[in-house]
Amino acid sequence: MVGLLAFAGTATAFSVAADGVPSEAAVDEEVTVTYTIDDPFTDAPNQWTLRGTTELESVSWQVTVLRAGTQISEDTYGSQNISQDLEIDDNGDEVQIELSGTVPAVENYTYAPEERFTVATLSRQTGNNTQEFQNDTAHHFTEDSKEAREAIDAAQESIEAAGGNEEAESLVDSAVSSYENGNFQNAIDLANQARNTAESAQQSQQTTRTLLIAGGALVVLLLLAGGGYYLYSQQGDDYSKL
């Protein structure tokens, strides 16, 4: 019984770990990611087909099967879609998948949600049944689109800090429209105008608030001075009567 419990405590299951998956990347940048599948046949069929797909370009896949750290087989592929049969009889307890390629161009610019591409999708197929177990995407951009997005983001932050501003918000809407049409310089110019408008409005609000506070303080001082003078004059009248 103790032996069975000990064995149960050390049992493992099918799992996958990813390394090097970017959250964002520039167009034409080279990306390399590695996926490691541990215990590929635990809680899984004894024979299944590994399928992978990516939107990376100039692609290279390297699929390595290992047993206790020793390489059993290695296969390479040069297309965006791969398929490899895996069998428990090969005694593999780990599958490493290394994927390299360059980030694809942005086909359609969208500010929100941001533009994304598929880094990799991995699936396990048995017969007609396909189960996806990994799906990674990343934001991709050009130098110009990144600058335009950052300008719009900065304008949005200034508008929020100002508590909203109709003119600035209209300028940001126009900036987003230019961004999505690929006119990044115009988007930057409009976003900067929106930010300046919002910041000016915020500064004006702060100046008005400061003047109101100063005016209120002056009124209080005048009231105190008037009250003090009144008390003093009353005391003067009392002395004159004596």
C-alpha atoms as a PDB file:
ATOM      1  CA  MET A   1       0.000   0.000   0.000  1.00  0.00           C
ATOM      2  CA  VAL A   2       2.802   2.426   0.904  1.00  0.00           C
ATOM      3  CA  GLY A   3       4.537   1.611  -2.371  1.00  0.00           C
ATOM      4  CA  LEU A   4       1.359   2.259  -4.373  1.00  0.00           C
ATOM      5  CA  LEU A   5       0.802   5.584  -2.620  1.00  0.00           C
ATOM      6  CA  ALA A   6       4.394   6.617  -3.291  1.00  0.00           C
ATOM      7  CA  PHE A   7       4.018   5.745  -6.972  1.00  0.00           C
ATOM      8  CA  ALA A   8       0.751   7.697  -7.189  1.00  0.00           C
ATOM      9  CA  GLY A   9       2.412  10.703  -5.598  1.00  0.00           C
ATOM     10  CA  THR A  10       5.080  10.841  -8.298  1.00  0.00           C
ATOM     11  CA  ALA A  11       2.794  10.290 -11.291  1.00  0.00           C
ATOM     12  CA  THR A  12       2.974  12.966 -13.966  1.00  0.00           C
ATOM     13  CA  ALA A  13       0.747  14.049 -16.790  1.00  0.00           C
ATOM     14  CA  PHE A  14       0.874  15.535 -20.266  1.00  0.00           C
ATOM     15  CA  SER A  15       2.125  19.131 -19.983  1.00  0.00           C
ATOM     16  CA  VAL A  16       3.680  21.767 -22.205  1.00  0.00           C
ATOM     17  CA  ALA A  17       6.032  24.636 -21.374  1.00  0.00           C
ATOM     18  CA  ALA A  18       6.900  27.578 -23.626  1.00  0.00           C
ATOM     19  CA  ASP A  19      10.078  29.628 -23.684  1.00  0.00           C
ATOM     20  CA  GLY A  20      10.869  32.751 -25.693  1.00  0.00           C
ATOM     21  CA  VAL A  21       7.330  33.617 -26.775  1.00  0.00           C
ATOM     22  CA  PRO A  22       7.282  37.415 -27.297  1.00  0.00           C
ATOM     23  CA  SER A  23       4.424  39.652 -26.202  1.00  0.00           C
ATOM     24  CA  GLU A  24       5.242  41.924 -29.146  1.00  0.00           C
ATOM     25  CA  ALA A  25       7.753  42.059 -31.978  1.00  0.00           C
ATOM     26  CA  ALA A  26       8.693  44.266 -34.915  1.00  0.00           C
ATOM     27  CA  VAL A  27       7.929  43.246 -38.496  1.00  0.00           C
ATOM     28  CA  ASP A  28      10.830  41.257 -40.012  1.00  0.00           C
ATOM     29  CA  GLU A  29      12.335  40.639 -36.553  1.00  0.00           C
ATOM     30  CA  GLU A  30      13.610  37.081 -36.086  1.00  0.00           C
ATOM     31  CA  VAL A  31      11.862  35.108 -33.362  1.00  0.00           C
ATOM     32  CA  THR A  32      12.838  31.771 -31.817  1.00  0.00           C
ATOM     33  CA  VAL A  33      10.554  29.936 -29.409  1.00  0.00           C
ATOM     34  CA  THR A  34      10.867  26.542 -27.763  1.00  0.00           C
ATOM     35  CA  TYR A  35       8.052  24.277 -26.575  1.00  0.00           C
ATOM     36  CA  THR A  36       8.699  21.295 -24.340  1.00  0.00           C
ATOM     37  CA  ILE A  37       6.086  18.564 -24.012  1.00  0.00           C
ATOM     38  CA  ASP A  38       6.616  16.381 -20.946  1.00  0.00           C
ATOM     39  CA  ASP A  39       5.073  12.897 -20.736  1.00  0.00           C
ATOM     40  CA  PRO A  40       3.443  13.099 -24.178  1.00  0.00           C
ATOM     41  CA  PHE A  41       1.680   9.736 -23.708  1.00  0.00           C
ATOM     42  CA  THR A  42       0.490  10.154 -20.115  1.00  0.00           C
ATOM     43  CA  ASP A  43      -3.246  10.845 -20.025  1.00  0.00           C
ATOM     44  CA  ALA A  44      -3.006  10.793 -23.812  1.00  0.00           C
ATOM     45  CA  PRO A  45      -3.311   8.212 -26.634  1.00  0.00           C
ATOM     46  CA  ASN A  46      -0.373   5.863 -27.260  1.00  0.00           C
ATOM     47  CA  GLN A  47      -0.184   7.155 -30.808  1.00  0.00           C
ATOM     48  CA  TRP A  48      -1.076  10.629 -31.997  1.00  0.00           C
ATOM     49  CA  THR A  49      -0.077  13.219 -34.557  1.00  0.00           C
ATOM     50  CA  LEU A  50       1.569  16.474 -33.571  1.00  0.00           C
ATOM     51  CA  ARG A  51       0.330  19.345 -35.709  1.00  0.00           C
ATOM     52  CA  GLY A  52       1.809  22.821 -35.666  1.00  0.00           C
ATOM     53  CA  THR A  53       1.051  26.023 -37.488  1.00  0.00           C
ATOM     54  CA  THR A  54       2.532  29.504 -37.460  1.00  0.00           C
ATOM     55  CA  GLU A  55       2.261  32.842 -39.238  1.00  0.00           C
ATOM     56  CA  LEU A  56       5.997  33.418 -38.918  1.00  0.00           C
ATOM     57  CA  GLU A  57       7.793  33.556 -42.254  1.00  0.00           C
ATOM     58  CA  SER A  58      11.023  31.914 -43.464  1.00  0.00           C
ATOM     59  CA  VAL A  59      10.141  29.203 -40.982  1.00  0.00           C
ATOM     60  CA  SER A  60      12.231  26.431 -39.461  1.00  0.00           C
ATOM     61  CA  TRP A  61      10.818  23.771 -37.116  1.00  0.00           C
ATOM     62  CA  GLN A  62      12.947  21.255 -35.269  1.00  0.00           C
ATOM     63  CA  VAL A  63      11.112  18.456 -33.447  1.00  0.00           C
ATOM     64  CA  THR A  64      13.265  16.361 -31.115  1.00  0.00           C
ATOM     65  CA  VAL A  65      12.065  13.318 -29.175  1.00  0.00           C
ATOM     66  CA  LEU A  66      14.026  12.420 -26.027  1.00  0.00           C
ATOM     67  CA  ARG A  67      14.061   9.714 -23.401  1.00  0.00           C
ATOM     68  CA  ALA A  68      15.583  10.610 -20.030  1.00  0.00           C
ATOM     69  CA  GLY A  69      17.454  13.431 -21.749  1.00  0.00           C
ATOM     70  CA  THR A  70      18.847  11.256 -24.545  1.00  0.00           C
ATOM     71  CA  GLN A  71      17.847  12.081 -28.096  1.00  0.00           C
ATOM     72  CA  ILE A  72      15.824   9.418 -29.875  1.00  0.00           C
ATOM     73  CA  SER A  73      14.919  11.235 -33.072  1.00  0.00           C
ATOM     74  CA  GLU A  74      15.084  14.651 -34.676  1.00  0.00           C
ATOM     75  CA  ASP A  75      13.071  16.001 -37.603  1.00  0.00           C
ATOM     76  CA  THR A  76      13.171  19.398 -39.308  1.00  0.00           C
ATOM     77  CA  TYR A  77      10.529  21.195 -41.352  1.00  0.00           C
ATOM     78  CA  GLY A  78      10.542  24.365 -43.428  1.00  0.00           C
ATOM     79  CA  SER A  79       6.848  25.151 -43.878  1.00  0.00           C
ATOM     80  CA  GLN A  80       4.315  27.056 -41.802  1.00  0.00           C
ATOM     81  CA  ASN A  81       2.308  23.886 -41.137  1.00  0.00           C
ATOM     82  CA  ILE A  82       3.829  20.674 -39.829  1.00  0.00           C
ATOM     83  CA  SER A  83       2.609  17.183 -39.010  1.00  0.00           C
ATOM     84  CA  GLN A  84       4.565  14.462 -37.186  1.00  0.00           C
ATOM     85  CA  ASP A  85       3.416  11.096 -35.874  1.00  0.00           C
ATOM     86  CA  LEU A  86       4.413  10.185 -32.319  1.00  0.00           C
ATOM     87  CA  GLU A  87       4.229   6.686 -30.795  1.00  0.00           C
ATOM     88  CA  ILE A  88       4.702   5.378 -27.284  1.00  0.00           C
ATOM     89  CA  ASP A  89       6.737   2.464 -28.675  1.00  0.00           C
ATOM     90  CA  ASP A  90       9.543   4.914 -29.426  1.00  0.00           C
ATOM     91  CA  ASN A  91       9.975   5.278 -25.633  1.00  0.00           C
ATOM     92  CA  GLY A  92      10.007   9.059 -25.746  1.00  0.00           C
ATOM     93  CA  ASP A  93       9.108  10.915 -22.558  1.00  0.00           C
ATOM     94  CA  GLU A  94       9.788  14.426 -23.852  1.00  0.00           C
ATOM     95  CA  VAL A  95       9.251  16.273 -27.115  1.00  0.00           C
ATOM     96  CA  GLN A  96      11.073  19.522 -27.810  1.00  0.00           C
ATOM     97  CA  ILE A  97       9.821  21.817 -30.551  1.00  0.00           C
ATOM     98  CA  GLU A  98      12.028  24.697 -31.621  1.00  0.00           C
ATOM     99  CA  LEU A  99      10.469  27.190 -34.002  1.00  0.00           C
ATOM    100  CA  SER A 100      12.292  30.045 -35.725  1.00  0.00           C
ATOM    101  CA  GLY A 101      11.069  32.592 -38.235  1.00  0.00           C
ATOM    102  CA  THR A 102      10.574  36.263 -38.997  1.00  0.00           C
ATOM    103  CA  VAL A 103       7.597  38.375 -37.915  1.00  0.00           C
ATOM    104  CA  PRO A 104       5.067  38.860 -40.754  1.00  0.00           C
ATOM    105  CA  ALA A 105       3.902  42.202 -42.117  1.00  0.00           C
ATOM    106  CA  VAL A 106       0.759  43.778 -40.689  1.00  0.00           C
ATOM    107  CA  GLU A 107      -2.073  43.272 -43.164  1.00  0.00           C
ATOM    108  CA  ASN A 108      -4.665  45.387 -41.362  1.00  0.00           C
ATOM    109  CA  TYR A 109      -3.813  48.097 -38.848  1.00  0.00           C
ATOM    110  CA  THR A 110      -6.224  48.365 -35.917  1.00  0.00           C
ATOM    111  CA  TYR A 111      -5.680  50.507 -32.846  1.00  0.00           C
ATOM    112  CA  ALA A 112      -8.052  48.564 -30.603  1.00  0.00           C
ATOM    113  CA  PRO A 113      -7.720  45.674 -30.440  1.00  0.00           C
ATOM    114  CA  GLU A 114      -4.059  45.856 -31.375  1.00  0.00           C
ATOM    115  CA  GLU A 115      -2.723  43.935 -34.366  1.00  0.00           C
ATOM    116  CA  ARG A 116      -1.670  40.368 -33.522  1.00  0.00           C
ATOM    117  CA  PHE A 117      -0.253  37.363 -35.372  1.00  0.00           C
ATOM    118  CA  THR A 118      -0.054  33.680 -34.538  1.00  0.00           C
ATOM    119  CA  VAL A 119       3.347  32.729 -33.166  1.00  0.00           C
ATOM    120  CA  ALA A 120       2.389  29.070 -32.950  1.00  0.00           C
ATOM    121  CA  THR A 121      -0.563  26.769 -32.505  1.00  0.00           C
ATOM    122  CA  LEU A 122       0.076  23.181 -31.423  1.00  0.00           C
ATOM    123  CA  SER A 123      -2.517  20.414 -31.596  1.00  0.00           C
ATOM    124  CA  ARG A 124      -2.805  16.714 -30.835  1.00  0.00           C
ATOM    125  CA  GLN A 125      -4.717  14.714 -33.448  1.00  0.00           C
ATOM    126  CA  THR A 126      -6.061  11.214 -32.995  1.00  0.00           C
ATOM    127  CA  GLY A 127      -8.170   9.954 -35.878  1.00  0.00           C
ATOM    128  CA  ASN A 128     -10.716  12.670 -36.637  1.00  0.00           C
ATOM    129  CA  ASN A 129     -10.322  14.240 -33.209  1.00  0.00           C
ATOM    130  CA  THR A 130      -8.023  17.270 -32.924  1.00  0.00           C
ATOM    131  CA  GLN A 131      -7.277  18.902 -29.575  1.00  0.00           C
ATOM    132  CA  GLU A 132      -5.419  22.212 -29.448  1.00  0.00           C
ATOM    133  CA  PHE A 133      -3.126  22.445 -26.428  1.00  0.00           C
ATOM    134  CA  GLN A 134      -1.074  25.576 -27.163  1.00  0.00           C
ATOM    135  CA  ASN A 135      -1.923  28.839 -28.881  1.00  0.00           C
ATOM    136  CA  ASP A 136       0.388  31.854 -28.674  1.00  0.00           C
ATOM    137  CA  THR A 137      -0.086  35.218 -30.368  1.00  0.00           C
ATOM    138  CA  ALA A 138       1.881  38.468 -30.250  1.00  0.00           C
ATOM    139  CA  HIS A 139       1.432  42.106 -31.190  1.00  0.00           C
ATOM    140  CA  HIS A 140       3.418  43.108 -34.286  1.00  0.00           C
ATOM    141  CA  PHE A 141       4.300  46.578 -35.475  1.00  0.00           C
ATOM    142  CA  THR A 142       6.553  48.753 -37.620  1.00  0.00           C
ATOM    143  CA  GLU A 143       8.695  51.575 -36.282  1.00  0.00           C
ATOM    144  CA  ASP A 144       6.203  54.128 -37.644  1.00  0.00           C
ATOM    145  CA  SER A 145       3.103  52.361 -36.351  1.00  0.00           C
ATOM    146  CA  LYS A 146       4.662  51.982 -32.906  1.00  0.00           C
ATOM    147  CA  GLU A 147       5.467  55.714 -32.744  1.00  0.00           C
ATOM    148  CA  ALA A 148       1.920  56.576 -33.792  1.00  0.00           C
ATOM    149  CA  ARG A 149       0.394  54.180 -31.240  1.00  0.00           C
ATOM    150  CA  GLU A 150       2.547  55.621 -28.456  1.00  0.00           C
ATOM    151  CA  ALA A 151       1.496  59.174 -29.420  1.00  0.00           C
ATOM    152  CA  ILE A 152      -2.177  58.184 -29.295  1.00  0.00           C
ATOM    153  CA  ASP A 153      -1.679  56.411 -25.962  1.00  0.00           C
ATOM    154  CA  ALA A 154      -0.018  59.528 -24.526  1.00  0.00           C
ATOM    155  CA  ALA A 155      -2.898  61.692 -25.740  1.00  0.00           C
ATOM    156  CA  GLN A 156      -5.427  59.339 -24.153  1.00  0.00           C
ATOM    157  CA  GLU A 157      -3.589  59.545 -20.832  1.00  0.00           C
ATOM    158  CA  SER A 158      -3.559  63.369 -20.972  1.00  0.00           C
ATOM    159  CA  ILE A 159      -7.298  63.436 -21.685  1.00  0.00           C
ATOM    160  CA  GLU A 160      -7.979  61.161 -18.720  1.00  0.00           C
ATOM    161  CA  ALA A 161      -5.766  63.314 -16.484  1.00  0.00           C
ATOM    162  CA  ALA A 162      -7.742  66.387 -17.597  1.00  0.00           C
ATOM    163  CA  GLY A 163     -11.010  64.670 -16.738  1.00  0.00           C
ATOM    164  CA  GLY A 164     -12.045  64.592 -20.382  1.00  0.00           C
ATOM    165  CA  ASN A 165     -12.000  67.205 -23.106  1.00  0.00           C
ATOM    166  CA  GLU A 166     -14.350  67.164 -26.087  1.00  0.00           C
ATOM    167  CA  GLU A 167     -11.959  68.870 -28.503  1.00  0.00           C
ATOM    168  CA  ALA A 168      -9.029  66.629 -27.553  1.00  0.00           C
ATOM    169  CA  GLU A 169     -11.195  63.511 -27.783  1.00  0.00           C
ATOM    170  CA  SER A 170     -12.290  64.486 -31.294  1.00  0.00           C
ATOM    171  CA  LEU A 171      -8.640  64.917 -32.304  1.00  0.00           C
ATOM    172  CA  VAL A 172      -7.781  61.489 -30.897  1.00  0.00           C
ATOM    173  CA  ASP A 173     -10.623  59.905 -32.859  1.00  0.00           C
ATOM    174  CA  SER A 174      -9.169  61.446 -36.016  1.00  0.00           C
ATOM    175  CA  ALA A 175      -5.693  60.219 -35.040  1.00  0.00           C
ATOM    176  CA  VAL A 176      -6.986  56.667 -34.628  1.00  0.00           C
ATOM    177  CA  SER A 177      -8.690  56.855 -38.029  1.00  0.00           C
ATOM    178  CA  SER A 178      -5.417  57.990 -39.628  1.00  0.00           C
ATOM    179  CA  TYR A 179      -3.563  55.207 -37.818  1.00  0.00           C
ATOM    180  CA  GLU A 180      -5.905  52.544 -39.120  1.00  0.00           C
ATOM    181  CA  ASN A 181      -5.508  53.926 -42.645  1.00  0.00           C
ATOM    182  CA  GLY A 182      -1.739  53.627 -42.344  1.00  0.00           C
ATOM    183  CA  ASN A 183      -1.193  57.407 -42.292  1.00  0.00           C
ATOM    184  CA  PHE A 184       1.062  57.325 -39.260  1.00  0.00           C
ATOM    185  CA  GLN A 185       2.611  60.799 -39.485  1.00  0.00           C
ATOM    186  CA  ASN A 186      -0.817  62.394 -39.592  1.00  0.00           C
ATOM    187  CA  ALA A 187      -1.857  60.212 -36.655  1.00  0.00           C
ATOM    188  CA  ILE A 188       1.168  61.421 -34.685  1.00  0.00           C
ATOM    189  CA  ASP A 189       0.437  65.091 -35.482  1.00  0.00           C
ATOM    190  CA  LEU A 190      -3.229  64.791 -34.482  1.00  0.00           C
ATOM    191  CA  ALA A 191      -2.383  62.866 -31.315  1.00  0.00           C
ATOM    192  CA  ASN A 192       0.148  65.518 -30.295  1.00  0.00           C
ATOM    193  CA  GLN A 193      -2.472  68.226 -30.875  1.00  0.00           C
ATOM    194  CA  ALA A 194      -4.915  66.263 -28.733  1.00  0.00           C
ATOM    195  CA  ARG A 195      -2.365  65.892 -25.950  1.00  0.00           C
ATOM    196  CA  ASN A 196      -1.488  69.602 -26.030  1.00  0.00           C
ATOM    197  CA  THR A 197      -5.176  70.540 -25.982  1.00  0.00           C
ATOM    198  CA  ALA A 198      -5.862  68.271 -23.004  1.00  0.00           C
ATOM    199  CA  GLU A 199      -2.808  69.501 -21.119  1.00  0.00           C
ATOM    200  CA  SER A 200      -3.770  73.144 -21.751  1.00  0.00           C
ATOM    201  CA  ALA A 201      -7.286  72.445 -20.511  1.00  0.00           C
ATOM    202  CA  GLN A 202      -5.920  70.753 -17.400  1.00  0.00           C
ATOM    203  CA  GLN A 203      -3.554  73.653 -16.728  1.00  0.00           C
ATOM    204  CA  SER A 204      -6.415  76.119 -17.159  1.00  0.00           C
ATOM    205  CA  GLN A 205      -8.496  74.132 -14.696  1.00  0.00           C
ATOM    206  CA  GLN A 206      -5.645  74.117 -12.196  1.00  0.00           C
ATOM    207  CA  THR A 207      -5.153  77.891 -12.616  1.00  0.00           C
ATOM    208  CA  THR A 208      -8.867  78.524 -12.094  1.00  0.00           C
ATOM    209  CA  ARG A 209      -8.850  76.296  -9.024  1.00  0.00           C
ATOM    210  CA  THR A 210      -5.828  78.130  -7.625  1.00  0.00           C
ATOM    211  CA  LEU A 211      -7.468  81.521  -8.180  1.00  0.00           C
ATOM    212  CA  LEU A 212     -10.661  80.347  -6.509  1.00  0.00           C
ATOM    213  CA  ILE A 213      -8.721  79.081  -3.513  1.00  0.00           C
ATOM    214  CA  ALA A 214      -6.746  82.317  -3.323  1.00  0.00           C
ATOM    215  CA  GLY A 215      -9.948  84.356  -3.640  1.00  0.00           C
ATOM    216  CA  GLY A 216     -11.596  82.344  -0.899  1.00  0.00           C
ATOM    217  CA  ALA A 217      -8.584  82.801   1.348  1.00  0.00           C
ATOM    218  CA  LEU A 218      -8.656  86.565   0.718  1.00  0.00           C
ATOM    219  CA  VAL A 219     -12.335  86.742   1.634  1.00  0.00           C
ATOM    220  CA  VAL A 220     -11.630  84.881   4.876  1.00  0.00           C
ATOM    221  CA  LEU A 221      -8.770  87.257   5.708  1.00  0.00           C
ATOM    222  CA  LEU A 222     -10.978  90.301   5.016  1.00  0.00           C
ATOM    223  CA  LEU A 223     -13.713  88.905   7.220  1.00  0.00           C
ATOM    224  CA  LEU A 224     -11.239  88.220  10.010  1.00  0.00           C
ATOM    225  CA  ALA A 225      -9.772  91.698   9.653  1.00  0.00           C
ATOM    226  CA  GLY A 226     -13.231  93.260   9.661  1.00  0.00           C
ATOM    227  CA  GLY A 227     -14.249  91.263  12.694  1.00  0.00           C
ATOM    228  CA  GLY A 228     -11.074  92.234  14.502  1.00  0.00           C
ATOM    229  CA  TYR A 229     -11.580  95.904  13.734  1.00  0.00           C
ATOM    230  CA  TYR A 230     -15.160  95.719  14.944  1.00  0.00           C
ATOM    231  CA  LEU A 231     -14.112  94.162  18.258  1.00  0.00           C
ATOM    232  CA  TYR A 232     -11.376  96.752  18.666  1.00  0.00           C
ATOM    233  CA  SER A 233     -13.768  99.630  18.002  1.00  0.00           C
ATOM    234  CA  GLN A 234     -16.228  98.208  20.476  1.00  0.00           C
ATOM    235  CA  GLN A 235     -13.551  98.011  23.120  1.00  0.00           C
ATOM    236  CA  GLY A 236     -12.655 101.684  22.356  1.00  0.00           C
ATOM    237  CA  ASP A 237     -16.243 102.765  22.950  1.00  0.00           C
ATOM    238  CA  ASP A 238     -16.323 100.954  26.286  1.00  0.00           C
ATOM    239  CA  TYR A 239     -13.175 102.750  27.487  1.00  0.00           C
ATOM    240  CA  SER A 240     -14.526 106.162  26.426  1.00  0.00           C
ATOM    241  CA  LYS A 241     -17.694 105.572  28.431  1.00  0.00           C
ATOM    242  CA  LEU A 242     -15.636 104.795  31.527  1.00  0.00           C
END
